[in-house]
């Protein structure tokens, strides 16, 4: 149960990262846009890795 809550919060964080990237891109702050994009890619990759490992653990 706690795992699902943490995954939900993590997913919400990814959505907020997308909002911040949009905000920085529209304001013309390209350094912050690039930094947040790199963090978004890392966070999304880790989210997918953890989610897939949880699915594998549930099946076995």
PDB file of N, CA and C in Angstrom:
ATOM      1  N   UNK A   1       0.817  -1.193   0.000  1.00  0.00           N
ATOM      2  CA  UNK A   1       0.000   0.000   0.000  1.00  0.00           C
ATOM      3  C   UNK A   1       0.866   1.264   0.000  1.00  0.00           C
ATOM      4  N   UNK A   2       1.871   1.277   0.855  1.00  0.00           N
ATOM      5  CA  UNK A   2       2.750   2.443   0.925  1.00  0.00           C
ATOM      6  C   UNK A   2       3.517   2.620  -0.379  1.00  0.00           C
ATOM      7  N   UNK A   3       3.838   1.502  -1.022  1.00  0.00           N
ATOM      8  CA  UNK A   3       4.547   1.589  -2.299  1.00  0.00           C
ATOM      9  C   UNK A   3       3.710   2.309  -3.345  1.00  0.00           C
ATOM     10  N   UNK A   4       2.441   2.014  -3.378  1.00  0.00           N
ATOM     11  CA  UNK A   4       1.549   2.663  -4.353  1.00  0.00           C
ATOM     12  C   UNK A   4       1.402   4.154  -4.068  1.00  0.00           C
ATOM     13  N   UNK A   5       1.351   4.517  -2.795  1.00  0.00           N
ATOM     14  CA  UNK A   5       1.256   5.936  -2.439  1.00  0.00           C
ATOM     15  C   UNK A   5       2.525   6.667  -2.869  1.00  0.00           C
ATOM     16  N   UNK A   6       3.668   6.062  -2.611  1.00  0.00           N
ATOM     17  CA  UNK A   6       4.930   6.682  -3.013  1.00  0.00           C
ATOM     18  C   UNK A   6       5.031   6.805  -4.529  1.00  0.00           C
ATOM     19  N   UNK A   7       4.579   5.795  -5.253  1.00  0.00           N
ATOM     20  CA  UNK A   7       4.593   5.886  -6.713  1.00  0.00           C
ATOM     21  C   UNK A   7       3.656   6.985  -7.206  1.00  0.00           C
ATOM     22  N   UNK A   8       2.515   7.149  -6.554  1.00  0.00           N
ATOM     23  CA  UNK A   8       1.591   8.215  -6.939  1.00  0.00           C
ATOM     24  C   UNK A   8       2.216   9.586  -6.713  1.00  0.00           C
ATOM     25  N   UNK A   9       2.881   9.759  -5.580  1.00  0.00           N
ATOM     26  CA  UNK A   9       3.551  11.024  -5.298  1.00  0.00           C
ATOM     27  C   UNK A   9       4.692  11.279  -6.281  1.00  0.00           C
ATOM     28  N   UNK A  10       5.407  10.227  -6.629  1.00  0.00           N
ATOM     29  CA  UNK A  10       6.500  10.349  -7.579  1.00  0.00           C
ATOM     30  C   UNK A  10       5.963  10.772  -8.946  1.00  0.00           C
ATOM     31  N   UNK A  11       4.846  10.174  -9.356  1.00  0.00           N
ATOM     32  CA  UNK A  11       4.233  10.535 -10.626  1.00  0.00           C
ATOM     33  C   UNK A  11       3.763  11.989 -10.605  1.00  0.00           C
ATOM     34  N   UNK A  12       3.210  12.417  -9.480  1.00  0.00           N
ATOM     35  CA  UNK A  12       2.790  13.821  -9.356  1.00  0.00           C
ATOM     36  C   UNK A  12       3.992  14.756  -9.468  1.00  0.00           C
ATOM     37  N   UNK A  13       5.111  14.347  -8.936  1.00  0.00           N
ATOM     38  CA  UNK A  13       6.337  15.141  -9.057  1.00  0.00           C
ATOM     39  C   UNK A  13       6.777  15.255 -10.513  1.00  0.00           C
ATOM     40  N   UNK A  14       6.630  14.201 -11.269  1.00  0.00           N
ATOM     41  CA  UNK A  14       6.986  14.232 -12.691  1.00  0.00           C
ATOM     42  C   UNK A  14       6.076  15.219 -13.432  1.00  0.00           C
ATOM     43  N   UNK A  15       4.789  15.205 -13.100  1.00  0.00           N
ATOM     44  CA  UNK A  15       3.860  16.144 -13.735  1.00  0.00           C
ATOM     45  C   UNK A  15       4.229  17.583 -13.388  1.00  0.00           C
ATOM     46  N   UNK A  16       4.584  17.828 -12.125  1.00  0.00           N
ATOM     47  CA  UNK A  16       4.999  19.173 -11.728  1.00  0.00           C
ATOM     48  C   UNK A  16       6.284  19.597 -12.443  1.00  0.00           C
ATOM     49  N   UNK A  17       7.200  18.667 -12.656  1.00  0.00           N
ATOM     50  CA  UNK A  17       8.415  18.982 -13.419  1.00  0.00           C
ATOM     51  C   UNK A  17       8.059  19.455 -14.821  1.00  0.00           C
ATOM     52  N   UNK A  18       7.078  18.806 -15.437  1.00  0.00           N
ATOM     53  CA  UNK A  18       6.653  19.214 -16.783  1.00  0.00           C
ATOM     54  C   UNK A  18       6.076  20.625 -16.752  1.00  0.00           C
ATOM     55  N   UNK A  19       5.309  20.945 -15.706  1.00  0.00           N
ATOM     56  CA  UNK A  19       4.746  22.288 -15.572  1.00  0.00           C
ATOM     57  C   UNK A  19       5.862  23.319 -15.421  1.00  0.00           C
ATOM     58  N   UNK A  20       6.854  23.023 -14.580  1.00  0.00           N
ATOM     59  CA  UNK A  20       7.965  23.951 -14.390  1.00  0.00           C
ATOM     60  C   UNK A  20       8.784  24.129 -15.665  1.00  0.00           C
ATOM     61  N   UNK A  21       8.984  23.059 -16.403  1.00  0.00           N
ATOM     62  CA  UNK A  21       9.723  23.164 -17.660  1.00  0.00           C
ATOM     63  C   UNK A  21       8.972  24.085 -18.616  1.00  0.00           C
ATOM     64  N   UNK A  22       7.662  23.944 -18.670  1.00  0.00           N
ATOM     65  CA  UNK A  22       6.863  24.811 -19.536  1.00  0.00           C
ATOM     66  C   UNK A  22       6.976  26.264 -19.101  1.00  0.00           C
ATOM     67  N   UNK A  23       6.923  26.493 -17.797  1.00  0.00           N
ATOM     68  CA  UNK A  23       7.013  27.860 -17.268  1.00  0.00           C
ATOM     69  C   UNK A  23       8.361  28.492 -17.621  1.00  0.00           C
ATOM     70  N   UNK A  24       9.446  27.747 -17.395  1.00  0.00           N
ATOM     71  CA  UNK A  24      10.775  28.281 -17.694  1.00  0.00           C
ATOM     72  C   UNK A  24      10.982  28.476 -19.191  1.00  0.00           C
ATOM     73  N   UNK A  25      10.452  27.570 -19.982  1.00  0.00           N
ATOM     74  CA  UNK A  25      10.614  27.694 -21.434  1.00  0.00           C
ATOM     75  C   UNK A  25       9.874  28.915 -21.959  1.00  0.00           C
ATOM     76  N   UNK A  26       8.678  29.173 -21.426  1.00  0.00           N
ATOM     77  CA  UNK A  26       7.914  30.333 -21.873  1.00  0.00           C
ATOM     78  C   UNK A  26       8.533  31.651 -21.421  1.00  0.00           C
ATOM     79  N   UNK A  27       9.244  31.624 -20.281  1.00  0.00           N
ATOM     80  CA  UNK A  27       9.873  32.852 -19.797  1.00  0.00           C
ATOM     81  C   UNK A  27      11.226  33.100 -20.454  1.00  0.00           C
ATOM     82  N   UNK A  28      11.741  32.121 -21.185  1.00  0.00           N
ATOM     83  CA  UNK A  28      13.012  32.289 -21.888  1.00  0.00           C
ATOM     84  C   UNK A  28      14.230  31.920 -21.071  1.00  0.00           C
ATOM     85  N   UNK A  29      14.042  31.299 -19.915  1.00  0.00           N
ATOM     86  CA  UNK A  29      15.166  30.892 -19.069  1.00  0.00           C
ATOM     87  C   UNK A  29      15.626  29.498 -19.507  1.00  0.00           C
ATOM     88  N   UNK A  30      16.540  29.465 -20.461  1.00  0.00           N
ATOM     89  CA  UNK A  30      16.911  28.200 -21.086  1.00  0.00           C
ATOM     90  C   UNK A  30      17.802  27.331 -20.207  1.00  0.00           C
ATOM     91  N   UNK A  31      18.569  27.927 -19.312  1.00  0.00           N
ATOM     92  CA  UNK A  31      19.416  27.131 -18.420  1.00  0.00           C
ATOM     93  C   UNK A  31      18.544  26.341 -17.446  1.00  0.00           C
ATOM     94  N   UNK A  32      17.552  27.003 -16.858  1.00  0.00           N
ATOM     95  CA  UNK A  32      16.640  26.301 -15.948  1.00  0.00           C
ATOM     96  C   UNK A  32      15.806  25.272 -16.695  1.00  0.00           C
ATOM     97  N   UNK A  33      15.428  25.594 -17.930  1.00  0.00           N
ATOM     98  CA  UNK A  33      14.659  24.640 -18.739  1.00  0.00           C
ATOM     99  C   UNK A  33      15.475  23.373 -18.981  1.00  0.00           C
ATOM    100  N   UNK A  34      16.737  23.549 -19.375  1.00  0.00           N
ATOM    101  CA  UNK A  34      17.594  22.391 -19.647  1.00  0.00           C
ATOM    102  C   UNK A  34      17.854  21.584 -18.383  1.00  0.00           C
ATOM    103  N   UNK A  35      18.105  22.272 -17.273  1.00  0.00           N
ATOM    104  CA  UNK A  35      18.363  21.573 -16.013  1.00  0.00           C
ATOM    105  C   UNK A  35      17.144  20.764 -15.580  1.00  0.00           C
ATOM    106  N   UNK A  36      15.975  21.383 -15.627  1.00  0.00           N
ATOM    107  CA  UNK A  36      14.761  20.662 -15.236  1.00  0.00           C
ATOM    108  C   UNK A  36      14.432  19.529 -16.201  1.00  0.00           C
ATOM    109  N   UNK A  37      14.767  19.692 -17.475  1.00  0.00           N
ATOM    110  CA  UNK A  37      14.525  18.612 -18.431  1.00  0.00           C
ATOM    111  C   UNK A  37      15.410  17.413 -18.119  1.00  0.00           C
ATOM    112  N   UNK A  38      16.661  17.659 -17.789  1.00  0.00           N
ATOM    113  CA  UNK A  38      17.566  16.561 -17.413  1.00  0.00           C
ATOM    114  C   UNK A  38      17.054  15.858 -16.165  1.00  0.00           C
ATOM    115  N   UNK A  39      16.610  16.623 -15.181  1.00  0.00           N
ATOM    116  CA  UNK A  39      16.051  16.024 -13.966  1.00  0.00           C
ATOM    117  C   UNK A  39      14.772  15.247 -14.259  1.00  0.00           C
ATOM    118  N   UNK A  40      13.972  15.751 -15.188  1.00  0.00           N
ATOM    119  CA  UNK A  40      12.747  15.042 -15.578  1.00  0.00           C
ATOM    120  C   UNK A  40      13.069  13.695 -16.215  1.00  0.00           C
ATOM    121  N   UNK A  41      14.051  13.671 -17.092  1.00  0.00           N
ATOM    122  CA  UNK A  41      14.441  12.413 -17.743  1.00  0.00           C
ATOM    123  C   UNK A  41      14.948  11.423 -16.696  1.00  0.00           C
ATOM    124  N   UNK A  42      15.785  11.887 -15.786  1.00  0.00           N
ATOM    125  CA  UNK A  42      16.311  11.003 -14.742  1.00  0.00           C
ATOM    126  C   UNK A  42      15.177  10.490 -13.849  1.00  0.00           C
ATOM    127  N   UNK A  43      14.297  11.387 -13.414  1.00  0.00           N
ATOM    128  CA  UNK A  43      13.206  10.997 -12.526  1.00  0.00           C
ATOM    129  C   UNK A  43      12.250  10.017 -13.201  1.00  0.00           C
ATOM    130  N   UNK A  44      11.946  10.262 -14.479  1.00  0.00           N
ATOM    131  CA  UNK A  44      11.052   9.369 -15.212  1.00  0.00           C
ATOM    132  C   UNK A  44      11.675   7.993 -15.403  1.00  0.00           C
ATOM    133  N   UNK A  45      12.959   7.967 -15.714  1.00  0.00           N
ATOM    134  CA  UNK A  45      13.659   6.688 -15.874  1.00  0.00           C
ATOM    135  C   UNK A  45      13.645   5.896 -14.577  1.00  0.00           C
ATOM    136  N   UNK A  46      13.938   6.553 -13.472  1.00  0.00           N
ATOM    137  CA  UNK A  46      13.929   5.862 -12.186  1.00  0.00           C
ATOM    138  C   UNK A  46      12.514   5.403 -11.814  1.00  0.00           C
ATOM    139  N   UNK A  47      11.507   6.221 -12.108  1.00  0.00           N
ATOM    140  CA  UNK A  47      10.119   5.847 -11.834  1.00  0.00           C
ATOM    141  C   UNK A  47       9.759   4.579 -12.597  1.00  0.00           C
ATOM    142  N   UNK A  48      10.079   4.540 -13.878  1.00  0.00           N
ATOM    143  CA  UNK A  48       9.754   3.359 -14.679  1.00  0.00           C
ATOM    144  C   UNK A  48      10.500   2.128 -14.201  1.00  0.00           C
ATOM    145  N   UNK A  49      11.755   2.300 -13.807  1.00  0.00           N
ATOM    146  CA  UNK A  49      12.544   1.181 -13.294  1.00  0.00           C
ATOM    147  C   UNK A  49      11.917   0.620 -12.012  1.00  0.00           C
ATOM    148  N   UNK A  50      11.554   1.499 -11.086  1.00  0.00           N
ATOM    149  CA  UNK A  50      10.957   1.050  -9.823  1.00  0.00           C
ATOM    150  C   UNK A  50       9.586   0.429 -10.068  1.00  0.00           C
ATOM    151  N   UNK A  51       8.801   1.033 -10.950  1.00  0.00           N
ATOM    152  CA  UNK A  51       7.465   0.512 -11.244  1.00  0.00           C
ATOM    153  C   UNK A  51       7.546  -0.885 -11.854  1.00  0.00           C
ATOM    154  N   UNK A  52       8.443  -1.073 -12.795  1.00  0.00           N
ATOM    155  CA  UNK A  52       8.587  -2.395 -13.415  1.00  0.00           C
ATOM    156  C   UNK A  52       9.097  -3.428 -12.422  1.00  0.00           C
ATOM    157  N   UNK A  53      10.001  -3.062 -11.540  1.00  0.00           N
ATOM    158  CA  UNK A  53      10.486  -4.017 -10.552  1.00  0.00           C
ATOM    159  C   UNK A  53       9.385  -4.378  -9.556  1.00  0.00           C
ATOM    160  N   UNK A  54       8.512  -3.411  -9.236  1.00  0.00           N
ATOM    161  CA  UNK A  54       7.378  -3.724  -8.360  1.00  0.00           C
ATOM    162  C   UNK A  54       6.403  -4.666  -9.045  1.00  0.00           C
ATOM    163  N   UNK A  55       6.161  -4.458 -10.331  1.00  0.00           N
ATOM    164  CA  UNK A  55       5.256  -5.355 -11.072  1.00  0.00           C
ATOM    165  C   UNK A  55       5.834  -6.760 -11.118  1.00  0.00           C
ATOM    166  N   UNK A  56       7.151  -6.872 -11.318  1.00  0.00           N
ATOM    167  CA  UNK A  56       7.778  -8.190 -11.344  1.00  0.00           C
ATOM    168  C   UNK A  56       7.684  -8.873 -10.010  1.00  0.00           C
ATOM    169  N   UNK A  57       7.855  -8.097  -8.922  1.00  0.00           N
ATOM    170  CA  UNK A  57       7.785  -8.669  -7.578  1.00  0.00           C
ATOM    171  C   UNK A  57       6.372  -9.162  -7.278  1.00  0.00           C
ATOM    172  N   UNK A  58       5.344  -8.455  -7.760  1.00  0.00           N
ATOM    173  CA  UNK A  58       3.959  -8.872  -7.523  1.00  0.00           C
ATOM    174  C   UNK A  58       3.640 -10.161  -8.271  1.00  0.00           C
ATOM    175  N   UNK A  59       4.203 -10.343  -9.452  1.00  0.00           N
ATOM    176  CA  UNK A  59       3.912 -11.546 -10.243  1.00  0.00           C
ATOM    177  C   UNK A  59       4.548 -12.786  -9.648  1.00  0.00           C
ATOM    178  N   UNK A  60       5.681 -12.625  -8.996  1.00  0.00           N
ATOM    179  CA  UNK A  60       6.361 -13.816  -8.472  1.00  0.00           C
ATOM    180  C   UNK A  60       5.940 -14.154  -7.066  1.00  0.00           C
TER     181      UNK A  60
END
